[in-house]
Amino acid sequence: MGRKPTYSAVERQEILDWIAEGKTLADYCRQEGKPKYSVVMIWRKNDPEFAEALDLALVHSQSYWESMLLANLENRGFNSR
């Protein structure tokens, strides 16, 4: 059996801040030197406090994008490709 993955308080906060800014956990985990998505999901499963904080960060992320959408309703260039 492998060792239990661990994380620091700084790394935990970095993940939460990243998501709260409207970015995805998947994008965070794809960065070099960051934990794999599956590892973060293990942390979530094993740490109820982290799970709750992650859920709250996702609520903030949704709020961020709702605010962006409302602020750009009249902007035809918003989200255009």
C-alpha atoms as a PDB file:
ATOM      1  CA  MET A   1       0.000   0.000   0.000  1.00  0.00           C
ATOM      2  CA  GLY A   2       1.320   3.464  -0.916  1.00  0.00           C
ATOM      3  CA  ARG A   3       1.740   6.279   1.524  1.00  0.00           C
ATOM      4  CA  LYS A   4      -1.151   8.649   2.161  1.00  0.00           C
ATOM      5  CA  PRO A   5      -0.798  11.815   0.054  1.00  0.00           C
ATOM      6  CA  THR A   6      -0.381  14.916   2.163  1.00  0.00           C
ATOM      7  CA  TYR A   7      -0.669  18.613   1.495  1.00  0.00           C
ATOM      8  CA  SER A   8       0.341  21.791   3.233  1.00  0.00           C
ATOM      9  CA  ALA A   9      -1.941  24.560   4.439  1.00  0.00           C
ATOM     10  CA  VAL A  10      -0.363  26.818   1.814  1.00  0.00           C
ATOM     11  CA  GLU A  11      -1.115  24.361  -0.990  1.00  0.00           C
ATOM     12  CA  ARG A  12      -4.656  23.897   0.307  1.00  0.00           C
ATOM     13  CA  GLN A  13      -5.267  27.655   0.296  1.00  0.00           C
ATOM     14  CA  GLU A  14      -3.708  27.998  -3.142  1.00  0.00           C
ATOM     15  CA  ILE A  15      -6.182  25.449  -4.519  1.00  0.00           C
ATOM     16  CA  LEU A  16      -9.130  27.160  -2.839  1.00  0.00           C
ATOM     17  CA  ASP A  17      -8.078  30.619  -4.058  1.00  0.00           C
ATOM     18  CA  TRP A  18      -7.550  29.307  -7.598  1.00  0.00           C
ATOM     19  CA  ILE A  19     -11.064  27.877  -7.760  1.00  0.00           C
ATOM     20  CA  ALA A  20     -12.703  30.879  -6.070  1.00  0.00           C
ATOM     21  CA  GLU A  21     -11.246  33.078  -8.847  1.00  0.00           C
ATOM     22  CA  GLY A  22     -13.310  31.168 -11.403  1.00  0.00           C
ATOM     23  CA  LYS A  23     -10.605  28.775 -12.528  1.00  0.00           C
ATOM     24  CA  THR A  24     -11.014  25.008 -12.617  1.00  0.00           C
ATOM     25  CA  LEU A  25      -9.446  22.406 -10.388  1.00  0.00           C
ATOM     26  CA  ALA A  26      -8.529  20.415 -13.485  1.00  0.00           C
ATOM     27  CA  ASP A  27      -6.521  23.378 -14.843  1.00  0.00           C
ATOM     28  CA  TYR A  28      -4.816  23.811 -11.488  1.00  0.00           C
ATOM     29  CA  CYS A  29      -3.806  20.168 -11.409  1.00  0.00           C
ATOM     30  CA  ARG A  30      -2.443  20.245 -14.974  1.00  0.00           C
ATOM     31  CA  GLN A  31       0.247  22.735 -13.957  1.00  0.00           C
ATOM     32  CA  GLU A  32       3.744  21.414 -13.522  1.00  0.00           C
ATOM     33  CA  GLY A  33       4.532  20.463  -9.942  1.00  0.00           C
ATOM     34  CA  LYS A  34       0.896  20.461  -8.804  1.00  0.00           C
ATOM     35  CA  PRO A  35      -0.902  17.417  -7.429  1.00  0.00           C
ATOM     36  CA  LYS A  36      -2.954  15.240  -9.746  1.00  0.00           C
ATOM     37  CA  TYR A  37      -6.697  15.773  -9.778  1.00  0.00           C
ATOM     38  CA  SER A  38      -7.215  12.294  -8.307  1.00  0.00           C
ATOM     39  CA  VAL A  39      -4.933  13.155  -5.398  1.00  0.00           C
ATOM     40  CA  VAL A  40      -6.920  16.294  -4.579  1.00  0.00           C
ATOM     41  CA  MET A  41     -10.093  14.181  -4.664  1.00  0.00           C
ATOM     42  CA  ILE A  42      -8.504  11.822  -2.114  1.00  0.00           C
ATOM     43  CA  TRP A  43      -7.717  14.812   0.105  1.00  0.00           C
ATOM     44  CA  ARG A  44     -11.330  15.907  -0.257  1.00  0.00           C
ATOM     45  CA  LYS A  45     -12.615  12.466   0.675  1.00  0.00           C
ATOM     46  CA  ASN A  46     -10.327  12.148   3.695  1.00  0.00           C
ATOM     47  CA  ASP A  47     -10.643  15.699   5.037  1.00  0.00           C
ATOM     48  CA  PRO A  48     -14.194  16.940   5.676  1.00  0.00           C
ATOM     49  CA  GLU A  49     -12.955  20.457   6.429  1.00  0.00           C
ATOM     50  CA  PHE A  50     -11.155  20.626   3.085  1.00  0.00           C
ATOM     51  CA  ALA A  51     -14.228  19.172   1.340  1.00  0.00           C
ATOM     52  CA  GLU A  52     -16.416  21.901   2.812  1.00  0.00           C
ATOM     53  CA  ALA A  53     -13.911  24.615   1.884  1.00  0.00           C
ATOM     54  CA  LEU A  54     -13.678  23.241  -1.654  1.00  0.00           C
ATOM     55  CA  ASP A  55     -17.467  23.297  -1.984  1.00  0.00           C
ATOM     56  CA  LEU A  56     -17.507  26.924  -0.832  1.00  0.00           C
ATOM     57  CA  ALA A  57     -14.757  27.812  -3.315  1.00  0.00           C
ATOM     58  CA  LEU A  58     -16.906  26.314  -6.080  1.00  0.00           C
ATOM     59  CA  VAL A  59     -19.808  28.517  -4.992  1.00  0.00           C
ATOM     60  CA  HIS A  60     -17.504  31.551  -5.196  1.00  0.00           C
ATOM     61  CA  SER A  61     -16.374  30.408  -8.645  1.00  0.00           C
ATOM     62  CA  GLN A  62     -19.954  30.231  -9.869  1.00  0.00           C
ATOM     63  CA  SER A  63     -20.648  33.656  -8.393  1.00  0.00           C
ATOM     64  CA  TYR A  64     -17.570  35.053 -10.169  1.00  0.00           C
ATOM     65  CA  TRP A  65     -18.808  33.819 -13.535  1.00  0.00           C
ATOM     66  CA  GLU A  66     -22.366  34.994 -12.911  1.00  0.00           C
ATOM     67  CA  SER A  67     -21.012  38.473 -12.119  1.00  0.00           C
ATOM     68  CA  MET A  68     -18.886  38.445 -15.268  1.00  0.00           C
ATOM     69  CA  LEU A  69     -21.874  37.442 -17.354  1.00  0.00           C
ATOM     70  CA  LEU A  70     -24.127  40.112 -15.890  1.00  0.00           C
ATOM     71  CA  ALA A  71     -21.448  42.773 -16.315  1.00  0.00           C
ATOM     72  CA  ASN A  72     -21.047  41.840 -19.979  1.00  0.00           C
ATOM     73  CA  LEU A  73     -24.624  41.300 -21.135  1.00  0.00           C
ATOM     74  CA  GLU A  74     -24.370  44.152 -23.628  1.00  0.00           C
ATOM     75  CA  ASN A  75     -20.779  43.387 -24.653  1.00  0.00           C
ATOM     76  CA  ARG A  76     -20.972  41.548 -27.983  1.00  0.00           C
ATOM     77  CA  GLY A  77     -17.260  40.755 -27.803  1.00  0.00           C
ATOM     78  CA  PHE A  78     -17.539  38.973 -24.480  1.00  0.00           C
ATOM     79  CA  ASN A  79     -16.939  35.252 -24.881  1.00  0.00           C
ATOM     80  CA  SER A  80     -16.605  35.521 -28.650  1.00  0.00           C
ATOM     81  CA  ARG A  81     -14.083  33.489 -30.543  1.00  0.00           C
END
